[in-house]
Amino acid sequence: MVVVNSTEDTHRPKVVPRFAPSSIVVLELYNETTREVSTPSNLYLYIDGIMTFTFNFIFDEDSKYQMKVTEDGNVVFRGKLIAINQDAQNYDPSQGLYTYSTI
């Protein structure tokens, strides 16, 4: 899951792609609540198997997106993105609660 800060306009998430892109990639953000697709312009770096994106987008707090990156119709990366208003390093989706398996 990609976590971004909703209080910032410029975002720089890092992902592990399926393959190393060699040309322009398209970033699509699908809002799971409004069902709208946005395609912000982006720049990326690919270094040592990690893609770092830089794009401008205004996220609502606690909004969830599906993130898809394509190159010439081939999917480079697909995953979930969540926008929060706290430091992504300290984000805890379970808020300190333990969950137990019933299996």
N, C-alpha and C. Protein backbone atom coordinates (compact mmCIF):
# COMPACT_ATOMS: atom_id res chain seq x y z
N MET A 1 0.85 -1.17 0.00
CA MET A 1 0.00 0.00 0.00
C MET A 1 0.89 1.24 0.00
N VAL A 2 0.53 2.19 -0.83
CA VAL A 2 1.24 3.46 -0.92
C VAL A 2 0.52 4.44 0.00
N VAL A 3 1.26 5.12 0.86
CA VAL A 3 0.69 6.09 1.79
C VAL A 3 1.25 7.46 1.46
N VAL A 4 0.36 8.45 1.26
CA VAL A 4 0.76 9.83 1.00
C VAL A 4 0.12 10.74 2.04
N ASN A 5 0.68 11.91 2.18
CA ASN A 5 0.19 12.91 3.14
C ASN A 5 -0.82 13.81 2.43
N SER A 6 -2.05 13.87 2.93
CA SER A 6 -3.10 14.66 2.28
C SER A 6 -2.93 16.16 2.48
N THR A 7 -2.06 16.60 3.39
CA THR A 7 -1.86 18.03 3.60
C THR A 7 -0.84 18.62 2.62
N GLU A 8 -0.19 17.79 1.84
CA GLU A 8 0.80 18.26 0.86
C GLU A 8 0.21 18.19 -0.54
N ASP A 9 0.73 19.02 -1.44
CA ASP A 9 0.29 19.02 -2.83
C ASP A 9 1.20 18.17 -3.72
N THR A 10 2.49 18.12 -3.39
CA THR A 10 3.46 17.35 -4.16
C THR A 10 3.76 16.05 -3.44
N HIS A 11 3.69 14.95 -4.17
CA HIS A 11 3.86 13.63 -3.56
C HIS A 11 5.00 12.90 -4.25
N ARG A 12 5.75 12.10 -3.47
CA ARG A 12 6.88 11.33 -3.98
C ARG A 12 6.86 9.89 -3.46
N PRO A 13 5.87 9.10 -3.86
CA PRO A 13 5.83 7.71 -3.39
C PRO A 13 6.86 6.85 -4.12
N LYS A 14 7.27 5.78 -3.45
CA LYS A 14 8.20 4.81 -4.03
C LYS A 14 7.49 3.48 -4.15
N VAL A 15 7.67 2.81 -5.30
CA VAL A 15 7.05 1.52 -5.54
C VAL A 15 8.06 0.58 -6.20
N VAL A 16 7.77 -0.70 -6.14
CA VAL A 16 8.56 -1.71 -6.84
C VAL A 16 7.78 -2.12 -8.07
N PRO A 17 8.26 -1.78 -9.27
CA PRO A 17 7.51 -2.07 -10.49
C PRO A 17 7.65 -3.53 -10.93
N ARG A 18 6.75 -3.95 -11.80
CA ARG A 18 6.81 -5.30 -12.36
C ARG A 18 7.98 -5.45 -13.32
N PHE A 19 8.31 -4.36 -14.03
CA PHE A 19 9.46 -4.36 -14.94
C PHE A 19 9.99 -2.93 -15.02
N ALA A 20 11.19 -2.78 -15.55
CA ALA A 20 11.81 -1.46 -15.66
C ALA A 20 11.26 -0.73 -16.87
N PRO A 21 10.57 0.38 -16.66
CA PRO A 21 10.03 1.13 -17.80
C PRO A 21 11.17 1.82 -18.56
N SER A 22 10.95 2.03 -19.85
CA SER A 22 11.98 2.67 -20.67
C SER A 22 11.49 3.94 -21.36
N SER A 23 10.22 4.27 -21.18
CA SER A 23 9.69 5.49 -21.80
C SER A 23 8.70 6.16 -20.87
N ILE A 24 7.81 6.94 -21.41
CA ILE A 24 6.83 7.69 -20.63
C ILE A 24 5.81 6.72 -20.02
N VAL A 25 5.48 6.94 -18.75
CA VAL A 25 4.47 6.12 -18.08
C VAL A 25 3.26 6.99 -17.76
N VAL A 26 2.10 6.35 -17.67
CA VAL A 26 0.84 7.04 -17.34
C VAL A 26 0.42 6.60 -15.94
N LEU A 27 0.17 7.57 -15.08
CA LEU A 27 -0.29 7.31 -13.71
C LEU A 27 -1.78 7.58 -13.65
N GLU A 28 -2.55 6.56 -13.23
CA GLU A 28 -4.00 6.71 -13.07
C GLU A 28 -4.35 6.51 -11.61
N LEU A 29 -5.17 7.41 -11.07
CA LEU A 29 -5.67 7.31 -9.70
C LEU A 29 -7.19 7.18 -9.75
N TYR A 30 -7.69 6.05 -9.28
CA TYR A 30 -9.13 5.78 -9.26
C TYR A 30 -9.63 5.96 -7.84
N ASN A 31 -10.47 6.97 -7.62
CA ASN A 31 -11.03 7.23 -6.30
C ASN A 31 -12.11 6.20 -6.02
N GLU A 32 -11.93 5.41 -4.96
CA GLU A 32 -12.87 4.34 -4.65
C GLU A 32 -14.21 4.83 -4.13
N THR A 33 -14.27 6.07 -3.67
CA THR A 33 -15.53 6.62 -3.16
C THR A 33 -16.34 7.27 -4.27
N THR A 34 -15.70 8.15 -5.04
CA THR A 34 -16.41 8.88 -6.09
C THR A 34 -16.40 8.17 -7.44
N ARG A 35 -15.57 7.15 -7.57
CA ARG A 35 -15.42 6.37 -8.80
C ARG A 35 -14.94 7.22 -9.97
N GLU A 36 -14.11 8.22 -9.67
CA GLU A 36 -13.54 9.08 -10.71
C GLU A 36 -12.09 8.70 -10.94
N VAL A 37 -11.67 8.81 -12.18
CA VAL A 37 -10.29 8.51 -12.55
C VAL A 37 -9.57 9.82 -12.84
N SER A 38 -8.40 10.00 -12.22
CA SER A 38 -7.57 11.17 -12.47
C SER A 38 -6.25 10.69 -13.04
N THR A 39 -5.67 11.51 -13.92
CA THR A 39 -4.40 11.17 -14.54
C THR A 39 -3.44 12.34 -14.38
N PRO A 40 -2.83 12.48 -13.19
CA PRO A 40 -1.91 13.60 -13.00
C PRO A 40 -0.61 13.39 -13.78
N SER A 41 -0.07 14.49 -14.28
CA SER A 41 1.23 14.37 -14.95
C SER A 41 2.27 14.03 -13.90
N ASN A 42 3.29 13.28 -14.31
CA ASN A 42 4.27 12.81 -13.34
C ASN A 42 5.64 12.71 -13.96
N LEU A 43 6.61 12.69 -13.09
CA LEU A 43 8.00 12.40 -13.43
C LEU A 43 8.39 11.20 -12.58
N TYR A 44 9.28 10.37 -13.08
CA TYR A 44 9.70 9.23 -12.28
C TYR A 44 11.19 8.98 -12.45
N LEU A 45 11.76 8.37 -11.46
CA LEU A 45 13.14 7.88 -11.49
C LEU A 45 13.10 6.39 -11.23
N TYR A 46 13.92 5.65 -11.94
CA TYR A 46 14.03 4.21 -11.72
C TYR A 46 15.48 3.93 -11.35
N ILE A 47 15.71 3.62 -10.08
CA ILE A 47 17.07 3.37 -9.59
C ILE A 47 17.05 2.11 -8.74
N ASP A 48 17.89 1.16 -9.08
CA ASP A 48 18.06 -0.08 -8.32
C ASP A 48 16.74 -0.81 -8.05
N GLY A 49 15.87 -0.88 -9.04
CA GLY A 49 14.61 -1.62 -8.90
C GLY A 49 13.49 -0.87 -8.21
N ILE A 50 13.69 0.40 -7.87
CA ILE A 50 12.67 1.21 -7.20
C ILE A 50 12.27 2.38 -8.09
N MET A 51 10.96 2.56 -8.28
CA MET A 51 10.45 3.74 -9.00
C MET A 51 10.00 4.78 -7.99
N THR A 52 10.49 5.98 -8.15
CA THR A 52 10.07 7.10 -7.32
C THR A 52 9.33 8.08 -8.22
N PHE A 53 8.06 8.31 -7.91
CA PHE A 53 7.23 9.23 -8.67
C PHE A 53 7.22 10.60 -8.02
N THR A 54 7.08 11.63 -8.83
CA THR A 54 6.82 12.97 -8.35
C THR A 54 5.62 13.48 -9.12
N PHE A 55 4.54 13.80 -8.40
CA PHE A 55 3.35 14.33 -9.05
C PHE A 55 2.62 15.26 -8.09
N ASN A 56 1.84 16.16 -8.67
CA ASN A 56 1.02 17.09 -7.89
C ASN A 56 -0.42 16.62 -7.93
N PHE A 57 -1.02 16.53 -6.74
CA PHE A 57 -2.42 16.13 -6.65
C PHE A 57 -2.94 16.52 -5.28
N ILE A 58 -4.18 16.97 -5.21
CA ILE A 58 -4.79 17.33 -3.94
C ILE A 58 -5.71 16.19 -3.52
N PHE A 59 -5.35 15.52 -2.43
CA PHE A 59 -6.13 14.41 -1.91
C PHE A 59 -6.99 14.89 -0.75
N ASP A 60 -8.19 14.32 -0.62
CA ASP A 60 -9.00 14.51 0.57
C ASP A 60 -8.44 13.61 1.67
N GLU A 61 -8.59 14.05 2.91
CA GLU A 61 -8.09 13.26 4.04
C GLU A 61 -8.81 11.92 4.12
N ASP A 62 -8.06 10.87 4.39
CA ASP A 62 -8.56 9.50 4.53
C ASP A 62 -9.23 8.97 3.27
N SER A 63 -8.83 9.47 2.11
CA SER A 63 -9.38 8.96 0.86
C SER A 63 -8.55 7.79 0.37
N LYS A 64 -9.21 6.86 -0.32
CA LYS A 64 -8.55 5.65 -0.81
C LYS A 64 -8.64 5.60 -2.33
N TYR A 65 -7.55 5.21 -2.93
CA TYR A 65 -7.44 5.17 -4.38
C TYR A 65 -6.85 3.85 -4.83
N GLN A 66 -7.13 3.49 -6.06
CA GLN A 66 -6.41 2.43 -6.74
C GLN A 66 -5.43 3.12 -7.67
N MET A 67 -4.17 2.74 -7.59
CA MET A 67 -3.11 3.38 -8.36
C MET A 67 -2.65 2.42 -9.45
N LYS A 68 -2.65 2.89 -10.70
CA LYS A 68 -2.20 2.05 -11.80
C LYS A 68 -1.23 2.85 -12.65
N VAL A 69 -0.08 2.25 -12.93
CA VAL A 69 0.95 2.87 -13.75
C VAL A 69 1.13 1.99 -14.98
N THR A 70 1.00 2.58 -16.16
CA THR A 70 1.14 1.82 -17.40
C THR A 70 2.17 2.46 -18.33
N GLU A 71 2.75 1.61 -19.17
CA GLU A 71 3.66 2.06 -20.23
C GLU A 71 3.24 1.34 -21.50
N ASP A 72 2.78 2.10 -22.48
CA ASP A 72 2.32 1.52 -23.75
C ASP A 72 1.28 0.42 -23.55
N GLY A 73 0.38 0.58 -22.60
CA GLY A 73 -0.68 -0.38 -22.35
C GLY A 73 -0.29 -1.54 -21.44
N ASN A 74 0.97 -1.64 -21.07
CA ASN A 74 1.44 -2.69 -20.16
C ASN A 74 1.47 -2.15 -18.74
N VAL A 75 0.97 -2.92 -17.79
CA VAL A 75 0.91 -2.48 -16.40
C VAL A 75 2.29 -2.60 -15.76
N VAL A 76 2.83 -1.46 -15.33
CA VAL A 76 4.12 -1.40 -14.66
C VAL A 76 3.93 -1.63 -13.16
N PHE A 77 2.88 -1.03 -12.59
CA PHE A 77 2.58 -1.16 -11.17
C PHE A 77 1.09 -1.01 -10.96
N ARG A 78 0.56 -1.78 -10.02
CA ARG A 78 -0.84 -1.64 -9.62
C ARG A 78 -0.90 -1.85 -8.11
N GLY A 79 -1.60 -0.96 -7.41
CA GLY A 79 -1.71 -1.10 -5.97
C GLY A 79 -2.70 -0.12 -5.38
N LYS A 80 -2.82 -0.15 -4.07
CA LYS A 80 -3.73 0.74 -3.34
C LYS A 80 -2.94 1.95 -2.84
N LEU A 81 -3.63 3.07 -2.73
CA LEU A 81 -3.04 4.31 -2.21
C LEU A 81 -4.02 4.88 -1.20
N ILE A 82 -3.51 5.34 -0.08
CA ILE A 82 -4.34 5.99 0.93
C ILE A 82 -3.71 7.33 1.28
N ALA A 83 -4.56 8.35 1.42
CA ALA A 83 -4.11 9.69 1.77
C ALA A 83 -4.48 9.97 3.23
N ILE A 84 -3.48 10.25 4.06
CA ILE A 84 -3.70 10.52 5.48
C ILE A 84 -3.11 11.87 5.83
N ASN A 85 -3.43 12.39 7.00
CA ASN A 85 -2.91 13.70 7.39
C ASN A 85 -1.87 13.58 8.49
N GLN A 86 -1.08 12.53 8.46
CA GLN A 86 0.00 12.36 9.42
C GLN A 86 1.23 11.86 8.68
N ASP A 87 2.32 11.77 9.37
CA ASP A 87 3.56 11.29 8.77
C ASP A 87 3.37 9.83 8.35
N ALA A 88 3.67 9.54 7.09
CA ALA A 88 3.49 8.18 6.58
C ALA A 88 4.37 7.17 7.31
N GLN A 89 5.49 7.61 7.83
CA GLN A 89 6.40 6.72 8.54
C GLN A 89 5.75 6.15 9.80
N ASN A 90 4.87 6.93 10.44
CA ASN A 90 4.24 6.52 11.69
C ASN A 90 2.82 5.99 11.51
N TYR A 91 2.39 5.78 10.29
CA TYR A 91 1.01 5.34 10.02
C TYR A 91 0.81 3.90 10.47
N ASP A 92 -0.24 3.67 11.24
CA ASP A 92 -0.59 2.33 11.73
C ASP A 92 -2.05 2.06 11.35
N PRO A 93 -2.30 1.24 10.33
CA PRO A 93 -3.68 1.03 9.90
C PRO A 93 -4.57 0.36 10.93
N SER A 94 -3.98 -0.40 11.85
CA SER A 94 -4.79 -1.06 12.87
C SER A 94 -4.87 -0.26 14.16
N GLN A 95 -4.22 0.89 14.20
CA GLN A 95 -4.22 1.80 15.35
C GLN A 95 -3.82 1.08 16.64
N GLY A 96 -2.83 0.19 16.54
CA GLY A 96 -2.31 -0.48 17.72
C GLY A 96 -3.12 -1.67 18.20
N LEU A 97 -4.20 -2.01 17.52
CA LEU A 97 -5.04 -3.14 17.91
C LEU A 97 -4.51 -4.41 17.28
N TYR A 98 -4.59 -5.49 17.99
CA TYR A 98 -4.19 -6.80 17.46
C TYR A 98 -5.39 -7.49 16.86
N THR A 99 -5.19 -8.19 15.79
CA THR A 99 -6.24 -9.00 15.21
C THR A 99 -5.81 -10.46 15.26
N TYR A 100 -6.74 -11.33 15.54
CA TYR A 100 -6.44 -12.74 15.67
C TYR A 100 -7.12 -13.53 14.57
N SER A 101 -6.45 -14.52 14.08
CA SER A 101 -7.01 -15.38 13.06
C SER A 101 -7.98 -16.37 13.70
N THR A 102 -9.06 -16.66 13.00
CA THR A 102 -10.04 -17.63 13.51
C THR A 102 -9.84 -19.00 12.88
N ILE A 103 -8.76 -19.15 12.17
CA ILE A 103 -8.47 -20.44 11.50
C ILE A 103 -7.85 -21.41 12.48
